C-alpha atoms as a PDB file:
ATOM      1  CA  MET A   1      14.879  21.683  22.001  1.00  0.00           C
ATOM      2  CA  SER A   2      13.033  24.050  19.682  1.00  0.00           C
ATOM      3  CA  GLY A   3       9.669  23.111  18.182  1.00  0.00           C
ATOM      4  CA  GLY A   4      11.015  22.794  14.636  1.00  0.00           C
ATOM      5  CA  VAL A   5      13.894  20.559  15.666  1.00  0.00           C
ATOM      6  CA  GLN A   6      11.620  18.368  17.768  1.00  0.00           C
ATOM      7  CA  ARG A   7       9.113  18.176  14.890  1.00  0.00           C
ATOM      8  CA  ASP A   8      11.845  17.088  12.491  1.00  0.00           C
ATOM      9  CA  GLN A   9      13.171  14.517  14.948  1.00  0.00           C
ATOM     10  CA  GLU A  10       9.704  13.026  15.552  1.00  0.00           C
ATOM     11  CA  PHE A  11       9.002  12.925  11.824  1.00  0.00           C
ATOM     12  CA  SER A  12      12.370  11.275  11.123  1.00  0.00           C
ATOM     13  CA  GLU A  13      11.663   8.617  13.742  1.00  0.00           C
ATOM     14  CA  PHE A  14       8.261   7.964  12.178  1.00  0.00           C
ATOM     15  CA  VAL A  15       9.835   7.575   8.729  1.00  0.00           C
ATOM     16  CA  ARG A  16      12.583   5.247  10.007  1.00  0.00           C
ATOM     17  CA  ALA A  17      10.030   3.027  11.740  1.00  0.00           C
ATOM     18  CA  ARG A  18       7.568   2.793   8.840  1.00  0.00           C
ATOM     19  CA  ARG A  19       9.298   3.500   5.550  1.00  0.00           C
ATOM     20  CA  SER A  20      10.119  -0.099   4.645  1.00  0.00           C
ATOM     21  CA  ARG A  21       6.535  -1.190   5.285  1.00  0.00           C
ATOM     22  CA  LEU A  22       5.166   1.760   3.309  1.00  0.00           C
ATOM     23  CA  VAL A  23       7.411   0.983   0.340  1.00  0.00           C
ATOM     24  CA  GLY A  24       6.292  -2.642   0.499  1.00  0.00           C
ATOM     25  CA  ALA A  25       2.631  -1.636   0.500  1.00  0.00           C
ATOM     26  CA  ALA A  26       3.172   0.868  -2.322  1.00  0.00           C
ATOM     27  CA  TYR A  27       4.975  -1.778  -4.366  1.00  0.00           C
ATOM     28  CA  LEU A  28       2.147  -4.248  -3.881  1.00  0.00           C
ATOM     29  CA  LEU A  29      -0.316  -1.534  -4.914  1.00  0.00           C
ATOM     30  CA  CYS A  30       1.433  -0.558  -8.131  1.00  0.00           C
ATOM     31  CA  GLY A  31       3.848  -3.404  -8.969  1.00  0.00           C
ATOM     32  CA  ASP A  32       6.717  -1.104  -9.900  1.00  0.00           C
ATOM     33  CA  ARG A  33       9.725  -0.330  -7.715  1.00  0.00           C
ATOM     34  CA  HIS A  34      10.258   3.227  -8.926  1.00  0.00           C
ATOM     35  CA  ALA A  35       6.580   4.115  -8.820  1.00  0.00           C
ATOM     36  CA  ALA A  36       6.419   2.696  -5.278  1.00  0.00           C
ATOM     37  CA  GLU A  37       9.310   4.900  -4.173  1.00  0.00           C
ATOM     38  CA  ASP A  38       7.592   7.906  -5.787  1.00  0.00           C
ATOM     39  CA  LEU A  39       4.299   7.086  -4.039  1.00  0.00           C
ATOM     40  CA  VAL A  40       6.016   6.902  -0.665  1.00  0.00           C
ATOM     41  CA  GLN A  41       7.975  10.117  -1.253  1.00  0.00           C
ATOM     42  CA  THR A  42       4.780  11.954  -2.209  1.00  0.00           C
ATOM     43  CA  ALA A  43       2.934  10.592   0.822  1.00  0.00           C
ATOM     44  CA  LEU A  44       5.767  11.494   3.197  1.00  0.00           C
ATOM     45  CA  ALA A  45       6.080  15.017   1.779  1.00  0.00           C
ATOM     46  CA  LYS A  46       2.367  15.595   2.313  1.00  0.00           C
ATOM     47  CA  LEU A  47       2.580  14.058   5.773  1.00  0.00           C
ATOM     48  CA  TYR A  48       5.443  16.360   6.712  1.00  0.00           C
ATOM     49  CA  ALA A  49       3.392  19.411   5.745  1.00  0.00           C
ATOM     50  CA  ALA A  50       0.503  18.269   7.941  1.00  0.00           C
ATOM     51  CA  TRP A  51       2.667  16.706  10.687  1.00  0.00           C
ATOM     52  CA  PRO A  52       1.982  19.080  13.618  1.00  0.00           C
ATOM     53  CA  SER A  53      -1.792  18.660  13.628  1.00  0.00           C
ATOM     54  CA  LEU A  54      -1.739  14.973  12.682  1.00  0.00           C
ATOM     55  CA  HIS A  55       0.940  13.981  15.185  1.00  0.00           C
ATOM     56  CA  THR A  56      -0.842  15.597  18.124  1.00  0.00           C
ATOM     57  CA  ARG A  57      -3.980  13.594  17.260  1.00  0.00           C
ATOM     58  CA  GLY A  58      -2.063  10.384  16.513  1.00  0.00           C
ATOM     59  CA  ALA A  59      -3.492  10.325  12.993  1.00  0.00           C
ATOM     60  CA  GLU A  60      -0.262  10.135  11.013  1.00  0.00           C
ATOM     61  CA  ASP A  61      -0.524   6.436  10.086  1.00  0.00           C
ATOM     62  CA  ALA A  62      -4.048   6.754   8.699  1.00  0.00           C
ATOM     63  CA  TYR A  63      -3.133   9.931   6.823  1.00  0.00           C
ATOM     64  CA  VAL A  64      -0.033   8.510   5.120  1.00  0.00           C
ATOM     65  CA  ARG A  65      -1.974   5.365   4.162  1.00  0.00           C
ATOM     66  CA  LYS A  66      -4.749   7.402   2.586  1.00  0.00           C
ATOM     67  CA  ILE A  67      -2.262   9.519   0.667  1.00  0.00           C
ATOM     68  CA  LEU A  68      -0.527   6.360  -0.638  1.00  0.00           C
ATOM     69  CA  VAL A  69      -3.792   4.891  -1.893  1.00  0.00           C
ATOM     70  CA  ARG A  70      -5.143   8.131  -3.334  1.00  0.00           C
ATOM     71  CA  THR A  71      -1.888   8.951  -5.088  1.00  0.00           C
ATOM     72  CA  ASN A  72      -1.897   5.438  -6.560  1.00  0.00           C
ATOM     73  CA  ILE A  73      -5.486   5.911  -7.742  1.00  0.00           C
ATOM     74  CA  ASP A  74      -4.613   9.275  -9.325  1.00  0.00           C
ATOM     75  CA  ALA A  75      -1.565   7.789 -11.049  1.00  0.00           C
ATOM     76  CA  GLY A  76      -3.739   5.023 -12.471  1.00  0.00           C
ATOM     77  CA  ARG A  77      -6.182   7.546 -13.860  1.00  0.00           C
ATOM     78  CA  ARG A  78      -3.414   9.464 -15.600  1.00  0.00           C
ATOM     79  CA  ARG A  79      -1.558   6.365 -16.810  1.00  0.00           C
ATOM     80  CA  TRP A  80      -4.260   5.139 -19.174  1.00  0.00           C
ATOM     81  CA  ARG A  81      -3.871   8.271 -21.258  1.00  0.00           C
ATOM     82  CA  ARG A  82      -0.189   7.810 -21.965  1.00  0.00           C
ATOM     83  CA  GLU A  83       0.622   4.115 -21.768  1.00  0.00           C
ATOM     84  CA  LEU A  84      -0.149   1.281 -24.123  1.00  0.00           C
ATOM     85  CA  SER A  85      -1.288  -2.041 -22.742  1.00  0.00           C
ATOM     86  CA  SER A  86       0.798  -5.152 -23.216  1.00  0.00           C
ATOM     87  CA  ASP A  87       0.085  -8.810 -22.791  1.00  0.00           C
ATOM     88  CA  GLN A  88       3.464  -9.272 -21.100  1.00  0.00           C
ATOM     89  CA  LEU A  89       4.114  -8.297 -17.489  1.00  0.00           C
ATOM     90  CA  PRO A  90       7.267  -6.282 -16.859  1.00  0.00           C
ATOM     91  CA  GLU A  91       9.879  -7.608 -14.478  1.00  0.00           C
ATOM     92  CA  LEU A  92       8.394  -6.980 -11.042  1.00  0.00           C
ATOM     93  CA  SER A  93      11.143  -8.053  -8.690  1.00  0.00           C
ATOM     94  CA  MET A  94      12.116  -5.636  -5.978  1.00  0.00           C
ATOM     95  CA  PRO A  95      14.851  -6.594  -3.580  1.00  0.00           C
ATOM     96  CA  GLY A  96      14.348  -5.499  -0.035  1.00  0.00           C
ATOM     97  CA  PRO A  97      13.576  -6.761   3.419  1.00  0.00           C
ATOM     98  CA  ASP A  98       9.806  -6.921   3.024  1.00  0.00           C
ATOM     99  CA  LEU A  99       9.480  -8.248  -0.527  1.00  0.00           C
ATOM    100  CA  ASP A 100      12.530 -10.392  -1.178  1.00  0.00           C
ATOM    101  CA  GLY A 101      11.446 -13.524  -3.036  1.00  0.00           C
ATOM    102  CA  ARG A 102       7.807 -12.480  -3.420  1.00  0.00           C
ATOM    103  CA  ASP A 103       7.623 -12.249  -7.196  1.00  0.00           C
ATOM    104  CA  GLU A 104       4.870 -14.866  -7.257  1.00  0.00           C
ATOM    105  CA  LEU A 105       2.771 -12.786  -4.879  1.00  0.00           C
ATOM    106  CA  VAL A 106       3.363  -9.550  -6.788  1.00  0.00           C
ATOM    107  CA  ARG A 107       2.481 -11.180 -10.106  1.00  0.00           C
ATOM    108  CA  ALA A 108      -0.703 -12.625  -8.646  1.00  0.00           C
ATOM    109  CA  LEU A 109      -1.700  -9.259  -7.168  1.00  0.00           C
ATOM    110  CA  ALA A 110      -1.091  -7.657 -10.572  1.00  0.00           C
ATOM    111  CA  THR A 111      -3.856  -9.854 -12.014  1.00  0.00           C
ATOM    112  CA  LEU A 112      -6.431  -8.352  -9.651  1.00  0.00           C
ATOM    113  CA  GLY A 113      -8.326  -5.222 -10.509  1.00  0.00           C
ATOM    114  CA  PRO A 114      -7.019  -2.050  -8.884  1.00  0.00           C
ATOM    115  CA  GLY A 115      -9.834  -1.890  -6.329  1.00  0.00           C
ATOM    116  CA  GLN A 116      -9.397  -5.482  -5.215  1.00  0.00           C
ATOM    117  CA  ARG A 117      -5.627  -5.055  -5.075  1.00  0.00           C
ATOM    118  CA  ARG A 118      -5.984  -1.989  -2.839  1.00  0.00           C
ATOM    119  CA  ILE A 119      -8.352  -3.824  -0.521  1.00  0.00           C
ATOM    120  CA  VAL A 120      -6.076  -6.870  -0.270  1.00  0.00           C
ATOM    121  CA  VAL A 121      -2.972  -4.761   0.393  1.00  0.00           C
ATOM    122  CA  LEU A 122      -4.670  -2.623   3.026  1.00  0.00           C
ATOM    123  CA  ARG A 123      -6.519  -5.511   4.680  1.00  0.00           C
ATOM    124  CA  TYR A 124      -3.845  -8.192   4.654  1.00  0.00           C
ATOM    125  CA  TRP A 125      -0.482  -6.527   4.072  1.00  0.00           C
ATOM    126  CA  LEU A 126      -1.083  -3.518   6.331  1.00  0.00           C
ATOM    127  CA  ASP A 127      -3.368  -5.548   8.610  1.00  0.00           C
ATOM    128  CA  LEU A 128      -6.196  -3.012   8.760  1.00  0.00           C
ATOM    129  CA  SER A 129      -9.652  -3.829   9.997  1.00  0.00           C
ATOM    130  CA  ILE A 130     -12.557  -3.998   7.574  1.00  0.00           C
ATOM    131  CA  GLU A 131     -13.797  -0.683   8.937  1.00  0.00           C
ATOM    132  CA  GLU A 132     -10.407   1.016   8.470  1.00  0.00           C
ATOM    133  CA  VAL A 133     -10.137  -0.208   4.868  1.00  0.00           C
ATOM    134  CA  ALA A 134     -13.677   0.997   4.163  1.00  0.00           C
ATOM    135  CA  ALA A 135     -12.887   4.425   5.624  1.00  0.00           C
ATOM    136  CA  ASP A 136      -9.575   4.729   3.744  1.00  0.00           C
ATOM    137  CA  LEU A 137     -11.151   3.799   0.404  1.00  0.00           C
ATOM    138  CA  LYS A 138     -14.488   5.523   1.052  1.00  0.00           C
ATOM    139  CA  VAL A 139     -16.490   2.356   0.394  1.00  0.00           C
ATOM    140  CA  SER A 140     -18.897   0.341   2.523  1.00  0.00           C
ATOM    141  CA  THR A 141     -17.766  -2.444   4.824  1.00  0.00           C
ATOM    142  CA  GLY A 142     -19.840  -4.808   2.682  1.00  0.00           C
ATOM    143  CA  THR A 143     -17.781  -3.834  -0.361  1.00  0.00           C
ATOM    144  CA  VAL A 144     -14.566  -4.530   1.532  1.00  0.00           C
ATOM    145  CA  LYS A 145     -15.844  -7.939   2.633  1.00  0.00           C
ATOM    146  CA  SER A 146     -17.133  -9.014  -0.771  1.00  0.00           C
ATOM    147  CA  GLN A 147     -14.157  -7.690  -2.746  1.00  0.00           C
ATOM    148  CA  SER A 148     -11.597  -9.196  -0.372  1.00  0.00           C
ATOM    149  CA  SER A 149     -13.416 -12.527  -0.546  1.00  0.00           C
ATOM    150  CA  ARG A 150     -13.453 -12.461  -4.363  1.00  0.00           C
ATOM    151  CA  ALA A 151      -9.830 -11.359  -4.522  1.00  0.00           C
ATOM    152  CA  LEU A 152      -8.695 -14.143  -2.202  1.00  0.00           C
ATOM    153  CA  GLU A 153     -10.608 -16.663  -4.321  1.00  0.00           C
ATOM    154  CA  LEU A 154      -8.743 -15.457  -7.401  1.00  0.00           C
ATOM    155  CA  LEU A 155      -5.423 -15.457  -5.578  1.00  0.00           C
ATOM    156  CA  ARG A 156      -5.991 -19.036  -4.409  1.00  0.00           C
ATOM    157  CA  THR A 157      -6.121 -20.104  -8.059  1.00  0.00           C
ATOM    158  CA  ARG A 158      -2.853 -18.303  -8.799  1.00  0.00           C
ATOM    159  CA  LEU A 159      -0.775 -18.808  -5.656  1.00  0.00           C
ATOM    160  CA  THR A 160       0.526 -21.692  -3.639  1.00  0.00           C
ATOM    161  CA  ALA A 161      -1.030 -22.206  -0.216  1.00  0.00           C
ATOM    162  CA  SER A 162       2.155 -20.960   1.471  1.00  0.00           C
ATOM    163  CA  ARG A 163       1.980 -17.632  -0.391  1.00  0.00           C
ATOM    164  CA  ILE A 164      -1.675 -17.145   0.602  1.00  0.00           C
ATOM    165  CA  GLU A 165      -0.714 -17.812   4.241  1.00  0.00           C
ATOM    166  CA  GLU A 166       2.197 -15.388   3.912  1.00  0.00           C
ATOM    167  CA  LEU A 167      -0.151 -12.652   2.731  1.00  0.00           C
ATOM    168  CA  THR A 168      -2.912 -13.253   5.288  1.00  0.00           C
ATOM    169  CA  GLU A 169      -0.812 -14.175   8.343  1.00  0.00           C
ATOM    170  CA  GLU A 170      -1.045 -12.006  11.421  1.00  0.00           C
ATOM    171  CA  ARG A 171       1.448  -9.147  11.363  1.00  0.00           C
ATOM    172  CA  ALA A 172       3.201  -7.824  14.426  1.00  0.00           C
END
């Protein structure tokens, strides 16, 4: 098997194994189905370009996560220049295996600030350690701890206990 074919096959396997989870994380980050799909497509395109060096080091998961978060941050910076705020949330339902029936969770996450939302999604949805979240977001571990604590306090006032458990349960 030639190097290019093997590269494509390995990349395709990576995408098949992780795409649903990445779309779920992107959706929780931005709250919009189409924007989530765009975030994932952008992250996967950048991952593909860097695949050979990342795959040999086993760094593809961390790289695609960072691209998702950074692309979301960049989109947020651009959005304020062209969108008007509204006191009504848009419809945020997104059918799919990872998010079916989680409108309550998505709406509650939408009430958090962008930084807290990113920390909660990375820490509890993607099940990263405090150190990994800090490295991905380029913040201190203390910031991750304090912001996740504050975010969970806010979420507890907005969510049922079962939804909090759903978010923070151990992931396989």
